[in-house]
């Protein structure tokens, strides 16, 4: 049986949560190695945390859509704005967070 759009969206969102929390843990563990880029790293932690929060919002929206579709005997629609908006914001913030973390890694002591 093929996955519905909301199931695929939920899986992608869960991956963003896992990657965001993993990056926070990994970069905190090695934070002393990022001497020059520590301020970028701190911004990346905030962005990864925001991406995880947006992911929770997205998952809650997916759950609501699945529940509404079940009650109304229809197929769940992953393209609803209540899912699309937080999902888009989550991806954008995650990309920014990755860029900040990479920038912190390339920072050189002055």
C-alpha atoms as a PDB file:
ATOM      1  CA  UNK A   1       0.000   0.000   0.000  1.00  0.00           C
ATOM      2  CA  UNK A   2       1.346   3.420  -0.936  1.00  0.00           C
ATOM      3  CA  UNK A   3       1.945   6.039   1.709  1.00  0.00           C
ATOM      4  CA  UNK A   4      -0.324   9.041   1.821  1.00  0.00           C
ATOM      5  CA  UNK A   5       1.095  12.531   1.502  1.00  0.00           C
ATOM      6  CA  UNK A   6       0.693  13.166   5.203  1.00  0.00           C
ATOM      7  CA  UNK A   7       2.586   9.976   6.094  1.00  0.00           C
ATOM      8  CA  UNK A   8       5.485  11.023   3.884  1.00  0.00           C
ATOM      9  CA  UNK A   9       5.389  14.562   5.286  1.00  0.00           C
ATOM     10  CA  UNK A  10       5.438  13.167   8.819  1.00  0.00           C
ATOM     11  CA  UNK A  11       8.462  10.973   8.036  1.00  0.00           C
ATOM     12  CA  UNK A  12      10.372  13.913   6.546  1.00  0.00           C
ATOM     13  CA  UNK A  13       9.483  16.070   9.537  1.00  0.00           C
ATOM     14  CA  UNK A  14      10.711  13.389  11.947  1.00  0.00           C
ATOM     15  CA  UNK A  15      14.010  13.289  10.054  1.00  0.00           C
ATOM     16  CA  UNK A  16      14.393  17.064  10.466  1.00  0.00           C
ATOM     17  CA  UNK A  17      13.800  16.669  14.221  1.00  0.00           C
ATOM     18  CA  UNK A  18      16.395  13.902  14.430  1.00  0.00           C
ATOM     19  CA  UNK A  19      18.960  15.840  12.388  1.00  0.00           C
ATOM     20  CA  UNK A  20      18.387  19.079  14.299  1.00  0.00           C
ATOM     21  CA  UNK A  21      18.707  17.517  17.728  1.00  0.00           C
ATOM     22  CA  UNK A  22      21.655  15.441  16.552  1.00  0.00           C
ATOM     23  CA  UNK A  23      23.457  18.516  15.248  1.00  0.00           C
ATOM     24  CA  UNK A  24      22.854  20.350  18.521  1.00  0.00           C
ATOM     25  CA  UNK A  25      24.285  17.435  20.484  1.00  0.00           C
ATOM     26  CA  UNK A  26      27.231  16.940  18.148  1.00  0.00           C
ATOM     27  CA  UNK A  27      28.219  20.592  18.001  1.00  0.00           C
ATOM     28  CA  UNK A  28      27.823  21.083  21.765  1.00  0.00           C
ATOM     29  CA  UNK A  29      30.082  18.090  22.317  1.00  0.00           C
ATOM     30  CA  UNK A  30      32.818  19.614  20.160  1.00  0.00           C
ATOM     31  CA  UNK A  31      32.093  23.307  20.851  1.00  0.00           C
ATOM     32  CA  UNK A  32      35.604  23.966  22.181  1.00  0.00           C
ATOM     33  CA  UNK A  33      36.964  23.124  18.707  1.00  0.00           C
ATOM     34  CA  UNK A  34      35.000  26.050  17.209  1.00  0.00           C
ATOM     35  CA  UNK A  35      36.944  28.812  18.989  1.00  0.00           C
ATOM     36  CA  UNK A  36      36.532  31.521  16.359  1.00  0.00           C
ATOM     37  CA  UNK A  37      33.077  30.446  15.238  1.00  0.00           C
ATOM     38  CA  UNK A  38      31.427  30.030  18.631  1.00  0.00           C
ATOM     39  CA  UNK A  39      28.988  32.904  18.058  1.00  0.00           C
ATOM     40  CA  UNK A  40      27.887  31.373  14.745  1.00  0.00           C
ATOM     41  CA  UNK A  41      27.560  28.061  16.515  1.00  0.00           C
ATOM     42  CA  UNK A  42      25.299  29.580  19.167  1.00  0.00           C
ATOM     43  CA  UNK A  43      23.081  31.052  16.459  1.00  0.00           C
ATOM     44  CA  UNK A  44      22.952  27.623  14.803  1.00  0.00           C
ATOM     45  CA  UNK A  45      21.795  26.064  18.092  1.00  0.00           C
ATOM     46  CA  UNK A  46      18.943  28.544  18.277  1.00  0.00           C
ATOM     47  CA  UNK A  47      18.048  27.895  14.634  1.00  0.00           C
ATOM     48  CA  UNK A  48      18.168  24.107  15.094  1.00  0.00           C
ATOM     49  CA  UNK A  49      15.943  24.465  18.164  1.00  0.00           C
ATOM     50  CA  UNK A  50      13.530  26.614  16.174  1.00  0.00           C
ATOM     51  CA  UNK A  51      13.535  24.049  13.351  1.00  0.00           C
ATOM     52  CA  UNK A  52      12.664  21.330  15.874  1.00  0.00           C
ATOM     53  CA  UNK A  53       9.847  23.479  17.302  1.00  0.00           C
ATOM     54  CA  UNK A  54       8.503  24.104  13.799  1.00  0.00           C
ATOM     55  CA  UNK A  55       8.701  20.362  13.182  1.00  0.00           C
ATOM     56  CA  UNK A  56       6.527  19.725  16.231  1.00  0.00           C
ATOM     57  CA  UNK A  57       4.042  22.292  14.889  1.00  0.00           C
ATOM     58  CA  UNK A  58       4.095  20.531  11.515  1.00  0.00           C
ATOM     59  CA  UNK A  59       3.523  17.119  13.102  1.00  0.00           C
ATOM     60  CA  UNK A  60       0.630  18.512  15.127  1.00  0.00           C
ATOM     61  CA  UNK A  61      -0.887  19.952  11.938  1.00  0.00           C
ATOM     62  CA  UNK A  62      -0.481  16.608  10.172  1.00  0.00           C
ATOM     63  CA  UNK A  63      -2.189  14.852  13.081  1.00  0.00           C
ATOM     64  CA  UNK A  64      -5.052  17.333  12.925  1.00  0.00           C
ATOM     65  CA  UNK A  65      -5.430  16.856   9.175  1.00  0.00           C
ATOM     66  CA  UNK A  66      -5.375  13.059   9.508  1.00  0.00           C
ATOM     67  CA  UNK A  67      -8.003  13.232  12.254  1.00  0.00           C
ATOM     68  CA  UNK A  68     -10.217  15.627  10.286  1.00  0.00           C
ATOM     69  CA  UNK A  69      -9.934  13.469   7.163  1.00  0.00           C
ATOM     70  CA  UNK A  70     -10.842  10.370   9.153  1.00  0.00           C
ATOM     71  CA  UNK A  71     -13.901  12.045  10.681  1.00  0.00           C
ATOM     72  CA  UNK A  72     -15.071  13.298   7.278  1.00  0.00           C
ATOM     73  CA  UNK A  73     -14.285  10.069   5.398  1.00  0.00           C
ATOM     74  CA  UNK A  74     -11.787  11.607   2.967  1.00  0.00           C
ATOM     75  CA  UNK A  75      -8.137  11.227   2.061  1.00  0.00           C
ATOM     76  CA  UNK A  76      -5.739  13.408   4.120  1.00  0.00           C
ATOM     77  CA  UNK A  77      -4.305  16.346   2.177  1.00  0.00           C
ATOM     78  CA  UNK A  78      -0.675  17.271   2.916  1.00  0.00           C
ATOM     79  CA  UNK A  79      -0.989  20.436   0.803  1.00  0.00           C
ATOM     80  CA  UNK A  80      -3.244  22.238   3.253  1.00  0.00           C
ATOM     81  CA  UNK A  81      -1.827  25.594   4.401  1.00  0.00           C
ATOM     82  CA  UNK A  82      -1.947  24.445   8.028  1.00  0.00           C
ATOM     83  CA  UNK A  83       0.728  21.877   7.121  1.00  0.00           C
ATOM     84  CA  UNK A  84       2.522  23.620   4.265  1.00  0.00           C
ATOM     85  CA  UNK A  85       3.328  26.860   6.118  1.00  0.00           C
ATOM     86  CA  UNK A  86       5.079  25.397   9.192  1.00  0.00           C
ATOM     87  CA  UNK A  87       6.739  22.730   7.023  1.00  0.00           C
ATOM     88  CA  UNK A  88       8.183  25.362   4.669  1.00  0.00           C
ATOM     89  CA  UNK A  89       9.374  27.458   7.622  1.00  0.00           C
ATOM     90  CA  UNK A  90      10.910  24.343   9.206  1.00  0.00           C
ATOM     91  CA  UNK A  91      12.925  23.523   6.083  1.00  0.00           C
ATOM     92  CA  UNK A  92      14.115  27.116   5.617  1.00  0.00           C
ATOM     93  CA  UNK A  93      15.195  27.443   9.254  1.00  0.00           C
ATOM     94  CA  UNK A  94      16.906  24.042   9.131  1.00  0.00           C
ATOM     95  CA  UNK A  95      18.896  25.082   6.037  1.00  0.00           C
ATOM     96  CA  UNK A  96      19.892  28.346   7.739  1.00  0.00           C
ATOM     97  CA  UNK A  97      20.944  26.386  10.843  1.00  0.00           C
ATOM     98  CA  UNK A  98      23.080  24.052   8.748  1.00  0.00           C
ATOM     99  CA  UNK A  99      24.675  27.041   7.025  1.00  0.00           C
ATOM    100  CA  UNK A 100      25.494  28.623  10.377  1.00  0.00           C
ATOM    101  CA  UNK A 101      26.985  25.371  11.680  1.00  0.00           C
ATOM    102  CA  UNK A 102      29.075  24.967   8.529  1.00  0.00           C
ATOM    103  CA  UNK A 103      30.146  28.608   8.759  1.00  0.00           C
ATOM    104  CA  UNK A 104      31.229  28.041  12.361  1.00  0.00           C
ATOM    105  CA  UNK A 105      33.284  25.069  11.212  1.00  0.00           C
ATOM    106  CA  UNK A 106      35.073  27.143   8.580  1.00  0.00           C
ATOM    107  CA  UNK A 107      35.773  30.060  10.931  1.00  0.00           C
ATOM    108  CA  UNK A 108      39.448  30.580  11.609  1.00  0.00           C
ATOM    109  CA  UNK A 109      40.928  32.148  14.720  1.00  0.00           C
ATOM    110  CA  UNK A 110      42.032  35.718  14.020  1.00  0.00           C
END
